[in-house]
């Protein structure tokens, strides 16, 4: 497996790096790269610089957020993924109908994500859509539908 310096020395475009306060692993996403690992999320061991795992997705990932349940990844294939932090395997995948390109945070009920702040989804920690609502362009915050 390549060393960190070798990975970062290539022509890949890094979109984001997620680093917990006391990190031993960093999760990096590469998108629209000129060569493999195009459309990938990778885990780098900070103590050794080695690539721990790599997970290629069908389209460009837009964010990778470390959560208690795993690594949450929003993707241009209109899906939200939860990956295992130990090996990158897919825990669950939920299709949302639009590119998932923004992560807004977590709630007691799950993860709040959106497509261009125009369509919002609240996805439960087990991968089910709890709420879905469009943004109101009147300048008001979206109001979730009543249960």
N, C-alpha and C. Protein backbone atom coordinates (compact mmCIF):
# COMPACT_ATOMS: atom_id res chain seq x y z
N UNK A 1 0.83 -1.18 0.00
CA UNK A 1 0.00 0.00 0.00
C UNK A 1 0.88 1.25 0.00
N UNK A 2 0.45 2.33 -0.68
CA UNK A 2 1.29 3.52 -0.78
C UNK A 2 1.36 4.30 0.52
N UNK A 3 2.48 4.96 0.72
CA UNK A 3 2.64 5.84 1.87
C UNK A 3 1.85 7.12 1.64
N UNK A 4 1.53 7.82 2.73
CA UNK A 4 0.75 9.05 2.66
C UNK A 4 1.38 10.07 1.72
N UNK A 5 2.70 10.26 1.80
CA UNK A 5 3.36 11.25 0.95
C UNK A 5 3.19 10.90 -0.52
N UNK A 6 3.23 9.64 -0.84
CA UNK A 6 3.07 9.21 -2.22
C UNK A 6 1.64 9.45 -2.70
N UNK A 7 0.67 9.20 -1.82
CA UNK A 7 -0.74 9.43 -2.16
C UNK A 7 -0.98 10.91 -2.41
N UNK A 8 -0.55 11.74 -1.47
CA UNK A 8 -0.81 13.16 -1.58
C UNK A 8 0.03 13.83 -2.65
N UNK A 9 1.11 13.19 -3.06
CA UNK A 9 1.97 13.73 -4.10
C UNK A 9 1.44 13.52 -5.50
N UNK A 10 0.37 12.76 -5.66
CA UNK A 10 -0.21 12.52 -6.98
C UNK A 10 -1.14 13.66 -7.36
N UNK A 11 -1.74 13.57 -8.52
CA UNK A 11 -2.57 14.66 -9.04
C UNK A 11 -4.02 14.59 -8.59
N UNK A 12 -4.32 13.92 -7.50
CA UNK A 12 -5.70 13.83 -7.03
C UNK A 12 -6.15 15.15 -6.43
N UNK A 13 -7.45 15.39 -6.49
CA UNK A 13 -8.04 16.58 -5.89
C UNK A 13 -8.71 16.18 -4.59
N UNK A 14 -8.23 16.69 -3.48
CA UNK A 14 -8.84 16.36 -2.18
C UNK A 14 -9.96 17.35 -1.90
N UNK A 15 -11.15 16.85 -1.69
CA UNK A 15 -12.29 17.72 -1.42
C UNK A 15 -12.40 18.02 0.07
N UNK A 16 -12.11 17.09 0.93
CA UNK A 16 -12.25 17.36 2.36
C UNK A 16 -11.51 16.36 3.20
N UNK A 17 -11.18 16.78 4.40
CA UNK A 17 -10.51 15.90 5.35
C UNK A 17 -11.27 16.00 6.66
N UNK A 18 -11.57 14.86 7.25
CA UNK A 18 -12.29 14.81 8.51
C UNK A 18 -11.29 14.37 9.58
N UNK A 19 -11.12 15.18 10.61
CA UNK A 19 -10.16 14.86 11.65
C UNK A 19 -10.80 15.01 13.02
N UNK A 20 -11.04 13.91 13.73
CA UNK A 20 -11.55 14.03 15.09
C UNK A 20 -10.50 14.68 16.00
N UNK A 21 -10.91 15.13 17.19
CA UNK A 21 -10.01 15.83 18.10
C UNK A 21 -8.75 15.03 18.41
N UNK A 22 -8.88 13.75 18.73
CA UNK A 22 -7.73 12.89 18.96
C UNK A 22 -7.79 11.81 17.89
N UNK A 23 -7.18 12.11 16.76
CA UNK A 23 -7.33 11.24 15.60
C UNK A 23 -6.17 10.29 15.43
N UNK A 24 -6.49 9.08 15.04
CA UNK A 24 -5.46 8.15 14.58
C UNK A 24 -5.70 7.84 13.11
N UNK A 25 -6.88 8.22 12.61
CA UNK A 25 -7.24 7.98 11.21
C UNK A 25 -7.86 9.24 10.65
N UNK A 26 -7.55 9.53 9.39
CA UNK A 26 -8.20 10.62 8.67
C UNK A 26 -8.97 10.02 7.51
N UNK A 27 -10.15 10.57 7.25
CA UNK A 27 -10.97 10.13 6.14
C UNK A 27 -10.96 11.23 5.09
N UNK A 28 -10.52 10.90 3.89
CA UNK A 28 -10.35 11.86 2.82
C UNK A 28 -11.20 11.42 1.65
N UNK A 29 -11.80 12.39 0.95
CA UNK A 29 -12.54 12.04 -0.26
C UNK A 29 -11.85 12.67 -1.46
N UNK A 30 -11.81 11.91 -2.55
CA UNK A 30 -11.29 12.40 -3.81
C UNK A 30 -12.41 12.35 -4.82
N UNK A 31 -12.56 13.41 -5.58
CA UNK A 31 -13.63 13.47 -6.57
C UNK A 31 -13.08 14.00 -7.87
N UNK A 32 -13.68 13.55 -8.96
CA UNK A 32 -13.32 13.99 -10.30
C UNK A 32 -11.82 14.01 -10.50
N UNK A 33 -11.15 13.03 -9.94
CA UNK A 33 -9.70 12.93 -10.05
C UNK A 33 -9.31 12.44 -11.44
N UNK A 34 -8.12 12.80 -11.91
CA UNK A 34 -7.70 12.37 -13.24
C UNK A 34 -7.33 10.89 -13.32
N UNK A 35 -7.15 10.25 -12.18
CA UNK A 35 -6.77 8.83 -12.16
C UNK A 35 -7.34 8.19 -10.91
N UNK A 36 -7.33 6.87 -10.83
CA UNK A 36 -7.81 6.21 -9.61
C UNK A 36 -7.08 6.74 -8.40
N UNK A 37 -7.69 6.85 -7.27
CA UNK A 37 -9.00 6.33 -6.88
C UNK A 37 -10.13 7.34 -7.07
N UNK A 38 -10.50 7.63 -8.28
CA UNK A 38 -11.59 8.56 -8.58
C UNK A 38 -12.84 8.16 -7.80
N UNK A 39 -13.57 9.17 -7.31
CA UNK A 39 -14.83 8.96 -6.58
C UNK A 39 -14.66 8.05 -5.37
N UNK A 40 -13.63 8.27 -4.59
CA UNK A 40 -13.32 7.39 -3.47
C UNK A 40 -13.29 8.11 -2.14
N UNK A 41 -13.55 7.33 -1.10
CA UNK A 41 -13.31 7.74 0.27
C UNK A 41 -12.18 6.83 0.74
N UNK A 42 -11.16 7.41 1.34
CA UNK A 42 -10.05 6.61 1.84
C UNK A 42 -9.79 6.93 3.31
N UNK A 43 -9.24 5.96 4.02
CA UNK A 43 -8.84 6.15 5.41
C UNK A 43 -7.33 6.09 5.47
N UNK A 44 -6.72 7.09 6.08
CA UNK A 44 -5.27 7.15 6.22
C UNK A 44 -4.91 7.03 7.70
N UNK A 45 -4.01 6.13 8.02
CA UNK A 45 -3.52 5.97 9.39
C UNK A 45 -2.50 7.07 9.64
N UNK A 46 -2.80 7.98 10.56
CA UNK A 46 -1.92 9.12 10.80
C UNK A 46 -0.61 8.74 11.47
N UNK A 47 -0.58 7.66 12.21
CA UNK A 47 0.66 7.28 12.89
C UNK A 47 1.68 6.65 11.92
N UNK A 48 1.19 6.01 10.86
CA UNK A 48 2.13 5.36 9.91
C UNK A 48 2.14 6.02 8.54
N UNK A 49 1.08 6.76 8.21
CA UNK A 49 0.98 7.34 6.88
C UNK A 49 0.46 6.36 5.84
N UNK A 50 0.07 5.18 6.27
CA UNK A 50 -0.40 4.16 5.33
C UNK A 50 -1.89 4.31 5.04
N UNK A 51 -2.24 3.91 3.84
CA UNK A 51 -3.64 3.83 3.44
C UNK A 51 -4.23 2.62 4.16
N UNK A 52 -5.30 2.84 4.95
CA UNK A 52 -5.93 1.76 5.69
C UNK A 52 -6.97 1.04 4.84
N UNK A 53 -7.81 1.84 4.16
CA UNK A 53 -8.79 1.27 3.24
C UNK A 53 -9.21 2.31 2.23
N UNK A 54 -9.81 1.83 1.16
CA UNK A 54 -10.32 2.70 0.10
C UNK A 54 -11.67 2.16 -0.33
N UNK A 55 -12.65 3.05 -0.47
CA UNK A 55 -13.98 2.65 -0.92
C UNK A 55 -14.36 3.51 -2.12
N UNK A 56 -14.49 2.89 -3.29
CA UNK A 56 -14.89 3.62 -4.48
C UNK A 56 -16.42 3.65 -4.56
N UNK A 57 -16.97 4.82 -4.90
CA UNK A 57 -18.41 5.01 -5.01
C UNK A 57 -18.80 5.20 -6.48
N UNK A 58 -20.08 5.04 -6.81
CA UNK A 58 -20.51 5.14 -8.21
C UNK A 58 -20.34 6.53 -8.82
N UNK A 59 -20.34 7.57 -7.99
CA UNK A 59 -20.21 8.94 -8.47
C UNK A 59 -19.45 9.74 -7.42
N UNK A 60 -19.29 11.03 -7.65
CA UNK A 60 -18.47 11.88 -6.78
C UNK A 60 -19.04 12.00 -5.37
N UNK A 61 -18.22 11.70 -4.34
CA UNK A 61 -18.65 11.97 -2.96
C UNK A 61 -18.50 13.46 -2.69
N UNK A 62 -19.41 14.00 -1.90
CA UNK A 62 -19.39 15.43 -1.60
C UNK A 62 -18.95 15.75 -0.18
N UNK A 63 -19.12 14.83 0.72
CA UNK A 63 -18.62 14.99 2.09
C UNK A 63 -18.45 13.62 2.71
N UNK A 64 -17.59 13.55 3.71
CA UNK A 64 -17.42 12.36 4.53
C UNK A 64 -17.33 12.85 5.96
N UNK A 65 -18.32 12.50 6.76
CA UNK A 65 -18.40 12.98 8.14
C UNK A 65 -18.32 11.79 9.09
N UNK A 66 -17.36 11.85 10.02
CA UNK A 66 -17.24 10.78 11.00
C UNK A 66 -18.33 10.95 12.05
N UNK A 67 -19.12 9.90 12.22
CA UNK A 67 -20.20 9.87 13.20
C UNK A 67 -19.99 8.67 14.12
N UNK A 68 -20.70 8.61 15.21
CA UNK A 68 -20.59 7.48 16.14
C UNK A 68 -20.89 6.16 15.43
N UNK A 69 -21.85 6.18 14.49
CA UNK A 69 -22.28 4.96 13.80
C UNK A 69 -21.34 4.56 12.67
N UNK A 70 -20.54 5.49 12.16
CA UNK A 70 -19.64 5.21 11.04
C UNK A 70 -19.31 6.48 10.27
N UNK A 71 -18.88 6.33 9.03
CA UNK A 71 -18.52 7.45 8.17
C UNK A 71 -19.71 7.74 7.25
N UNK A 72 -20.32 8.91 7.39
CA UNK A 72 -21.47 9.30 6.60
C UNK A 72 -20.97 10.00 5.34
N UNK A 73 -21.41 9.52 4.17
CA UNK A 73 -20.92 10.05 2.89
C UNK A 73 -22.11 10.43 2.02
N UNK A 74 -22.15 11.70 1.59
CA UNK A 74 -23.15 12.17 0.63
C UNK A 74 -22.54 12.12 -0.76
N UNK A 75 -23.32 11.68 -1.73
CA UNK A 75 -22.76 11.39 -3.04
C UNK A 75 -23.63 11.95 -4.17
N UNK A 76 -23.00 12.21 -5.32
CA UNK A 76 -23.73 12.68 -6.50
C UNK A 76 -24.58 11.59 -7.15
N UNK A 77 -24.50 10.36 -6.69
CA UNK A 77 -25.38 9.30 -7.23
C UNK A 77 -26.75 9.32 -6.55
N UNK A 78 -27.04 10.42 -5.83
CA UNK A 78 -28.32 10.66 -5.16
C UNK A 78 -28.54 9.75 -3.96
N UNK A 79 -27.43 9.34 -3.34
CA UNK A 79 -27.52 8.44 -2.19
C UNK A 79 -26.68 8.97 -1.02
N UNK A 80 -27.09 8.55 0.16
CA UNK A 80 -26.34 8.79 1.39
C UNK A 80 -25.88 7.43 1.88
N UNK A 81 -24.59 7.33 2.20
CA UNK A 81 -23.99 6.06 2.62
C UNK A 81 -23.52 6.17 4.06
N UNK A 82 -23.53 5.05 4.77
CA UNK A 82 -22.84 4.93 6.03
C UNK A 82 -21.83 3.81 5.86
N UNK A 83 -20.54 4.15 6.03
CA UNK A 83 -19.46 3.19 5.85
C UNK A 83 -18.85 2.82 7.19
N UNK A 84 -18.36 1.60 7.28
CA UNK A 84 -17.67 1.14 8.48
C UNK A 84 -16.32 1.84 8.59
N UNK A 85 -16.02 2.43 9.76
CA UNK A 85 -14.72 3.08 9.90
C UNK A 85 -13.55 2.10 9.92
N UNK A 86 -13.79 0.84 10.20
CA UNK A 86 -12.70 -0.13 10.28
C UNK A 86 -12.22 -0.62 8.91
N UNK A 87 -13.15 -0.77 7.94
CA UNK A 87 -12.73 -1.31 6.64
C UNK A 87 -13.40 -0.67 5.44
N UNK A 88 -14.26 0.34 5.65
CA UNK A 88 -14.91 1.03 4.54
C UNK A 88 -16.10 0.30 3.94
N UNK A 89 -16.47 -0.84 4.50
CA UNK A 89 -17.61 -1.58 3.96
C UNK A 89 -18.90 -0.79 4.18
N UNK A 90 -19.86 -1.02 3.33
CA UNK A 90 -21.14 -0.31 3.40
C UNK A 90 -22.01 -0.89 4.50
N UNK A 91 -22.43 -0.05 5.44
CA UNK A 91 -23.35 -0.45 6.49
C UNK A 91 -24.78 -0.30 5.97
N UNK A 92 -25.06 0.88 5.36
CA UNK A 92 -26.34 1.07 4.68
C UNK A 92 -26.19 2.13 3.61
N UNK A 93 -27.19 2.16 2.73
CA UNK A 93 -27.28 3.14 1.65
C UNK A 93 -28.75 3.50 1.51
N UNK A 94 -29.04 4.80 1.39
CA UNK A 94 -30.41 5.23 1.16
C UNK A 94 -30.42 6.17 -0.04
N UNK A 95 -31.26 5.88 -1.03
CA UNK A 95 -31.43 6.74 -2.21
C UNK A 95 -32.36 7.88 -1.83
N UNK A 96 -31.96 9.13 -2.18
CA UNK A 96 -32.75 10.29 -1.77
C UNK A 96 -33.35 11.07 -2.94
N UNK A 97 -32.98 10.78 -4.17
CA UNK A 97 -33.62 11.40 -5.32
C UNK A 97 -32.92 12.62 -5.90
N UNK A 98 -31.99 13.21 -5.17
CA UNK A 98 -31.18 14.34 -5.64
C UNK A 98 -29.76 14.11 -5.12
N UNK A 99 -28.79 14.80 -5.75
CA UNK A 99 -27.41 14.71 -5.26
C UNK A 99 -27.38 15.15 -3.80
N UNK A 100 -26.69 14.41 -2.98
CA UNK A 100 -26.57 14.72 -1.55
C UNK A 100 -25.24 15.44 -1.38
N UNK A 101 -25.30 16.78 -1.30
CA UNK A 101 -24.04 17.52 -1.32
C UNK A 101 -23.77 18.41 -0.11
N UNK A 102 -24.64 18.37 0.90
CA UNK A 102 -24.36 19.15 2.10
C UNK A 102 -24.77 18.39 3.36
N UNK A 103 -23.88 18.43 4.34
CA UNK A 103 -24.15 17.85 5.66
C UNK A 103 -24.37 19.01 6.62
N UNK A 104 -25.48 18.99 7.36
CA UNK A 104 -25.80 20.11 8.25
C UNK A 104 -25.66 19.76 9.72
N UNK A 105 -25.63 18.48 10.07
CA UNK A 105 -25.46 18.13 11.47
C UNK A 105 -26.29 16.92 11.85
N UNK A 106 -26.23 16.63 13.15
CA UNK A 106 -26.96 15.49 13.68
C UNK A 106 -28.01 15.97 14.69
N UNK A 107 -29.04 15.18 14.82
CA UNK A 107 -30.07 15.42 15.83
C UNK A 107 -30.27 14.11 16.58
N UNK A 108 -31.14 14.11 17.55
CA UNK A 108 -31.45 12.88 18.27
C UNK A 108 -32.06 11.85 17.31
N UNK A 109 -32.73 12.34 16.25
CA UNK A 109 -33.39 11.44 15.31
C UNK A 109 -32.49 10.96 14.17
N UNK A 110 -31.41 11.69 13.88
CA UNK A 110 -30.55 11.24 12.79
C UNK A 110 -29.69 12.34 12.20
N UNK A 111 -29.47 12.27 10.88
CA UNK A 111 -28.55 13.14 10.16
C UNK A 111 -29.33 14.07 9.24
N UNK A 112 -29.01 15.37 9.28
CA UNK A 112 -29.65 16.33 8.40
C UNK A 112 -28.72 16.63 7.23
N UNK A 113 -29.19 16.33 6.02
CA UNK A 113 -28.41 16.54 4.80
C UNK A 113 -29.30 17.26 3.78
N UNK A 114 -28.67 17.80 2.73
CA UNK A 114 -29.48 18.49 1.72
C UNK A 114 -28.84 18.42 0.34
N UNK A 115 -29.63 18.86 -0.62
CA UNK A 115 -29.16 19.09 -1.99
C UNK A 115 -29.23 20.59 -2.22
N UNK A 116 -28.06 21.24 -2.27
CA UNK A 116 -27.97 22.68 -2.53
C UNK A 116 -28.86 23.54 -1.65
N UNK A 117 -29.11 23.13 -0.43
CA UNK A 117 -30.00 23.84 0.49
C UNK A 117 -31.38 24.08 -0.14
N UNK A 118 -31.77 23.20 -1.06
CA UNK A 118 -33.06 23.31 -1.72
C UNK A 118 -34.00 22.19 -1.29
N UNK A 119 -33.46 21.01 -1.09
CA UNK A 119 -34.23 19.87 -0.60
C UNK A 119 -33.47 19.32 0.60
N UNK A 120 -34.17 19.12 1.70
CA UNK A 120 -33.56 18.62 2.94
C UNK A 120 -34.12 17.23 3.26
N UNK A 121 -33.25 16.41 3.88
CA UNK A 121 -33.67 15.11 4.37
C UNK A 121 -33.14 14.93 5.79
N UNK A 122 -33.96 14.38 6.65
CA UNK A 122 -33.53 13.91 7.95
C UNK A 122 -33.54 12.40 7.86
N UNK A 123 -32.35 11.79 7.94
CA UNK A 123 -32.20 10.35 7.78
C UNK A 123 -31.84 9.75 9.13
N UNK A 124 -32.59 8.73 9.53
CA UNK A 124 -32.35 8.09 10.83
C UNK A 124 -30.99 7.41 10.86
N UNK A 125 -30.54 7.10 12.04
CA UNK A 125 -29.22 6.48 12.21
C UNK A 125 -29.16 5.06 11.64
N UNK A 126 -30.32 4.49 11.30
CA UNK A 126 -30.32 3.17 10.65
C UNK A 126 -30.67 3.26 9.16
N UNK A 127 -30.61 4.49 8.59
CA UNK A 127 -30.73 4.64 7.15
C UNK A 127 -32.13 4.78 6.58
N UNK A 128 -33.08 5.23 7.38
CA UNK A 128 -34.45 5.43 6.91
C UNK A 128 -34.73 6.94 6.84
N UNK A 129 -35.48 7.37 5.83
CA UNK A 129 -35.84 8.79 5.72
C UNK A 129 -36.93 9.10 6.74
N UNK A 130 -36.64 10.02 7.65
CA UNK A 130 -37.59 10.43 8.68
C UNK A 130 -38.44 11.58 8.14
N UNK A 131 -37.79 12.59 7.55
CA UNK A 131 -38.46 13.75 6.95
C UNK A 131 -37.79 14.09 5.63
N UNK A 132 -38.56 14.70 4.76
CA UNK A 132 -38.04 15.26 3.52
C UNK A 132 -38.86 16.50 3.23
N UNK A 133 -38.20 17.62 2.98
CA UNK A 133 -38.95 18.84 2.69
C UNK A 133 -38.12 19.78 1.83
N UNK A 134 -38.82 20.58 0.98
CA UNK A 134 -38.11 21.57 0.16
C UNK A 134 -37.85 22.84 0.95
N UNK A 135 -36.85 23.57 0.51
CA UNK A 135 -36.52 24.87 1.10
C UNK A 135 -37.54 25.89 0.66
N UNK A 136 -37.89 26.78 1.54
CA UNK A 136 -38.79 27.87 1.19
C UNK A 136 -37.93 29.05 0.74
N UNK A 137 -38.06 29.47 -0.50
CA UNK A 137 -37.26 30.58 -1.00
C UNK A 137 -37.76 31.94 -0.51
N UNK A 138 -38.72 31.94 0.38
CA UNK A 138 -39.20 33.20 0.96
C UNK A 138 -38.23 33.72 2.01
N UNK A 139 -37.17 32.97 2.28
CA UNK A 139 -36.19 33.39 3.29
C UNK A 139 -36.44 32.75 4.64
N UNK A 140 -37.53 32.02 4.80
CA UNK A 140 -37.81 31.34 6.06
C UNK A 140 -37.16 29.98 6.05
N UNK A 141 -36.85 29.49 7.21
CA UNK A 141 -36.29 28.14 7.34
C UNK A 141 -37.38 27.13 6.99
N UNK A 142 -36.97 25.97 6.44
CA UNK A 142 -37.97 24.95 6.12
C UNK A 142 -38.63 24.41 7.39
N UNK A 143 -39.88 24.11 7.29
CA UNK A 143 -40.62 23.53 8.40
C UNK A 143 -40.89 22.07 8.10
N UNK A 144 -40.42 21.15 8.95
CA UNK A 144 -40.68 19.74 8.68
C UNK A 144 -42.17 19.45 8.76
N UNK A 145 -42.64 18.49 7.96
CA UNK A 145 -44.06 18.14 8.00
C UNK A 145 -44.41 17.54 9.36
N UNK A 146 -45.66 17.68 9.72
CA UNK A 146 -46.11 17.09 11.00
C UNK A 146 -46.16 15.58 10.84
N UNK A 147 -46.00 14.90 11.93
CA UNK A 147 -46.00 13.43 11.89
C UNK A 147 -47.38 12.89 11.81
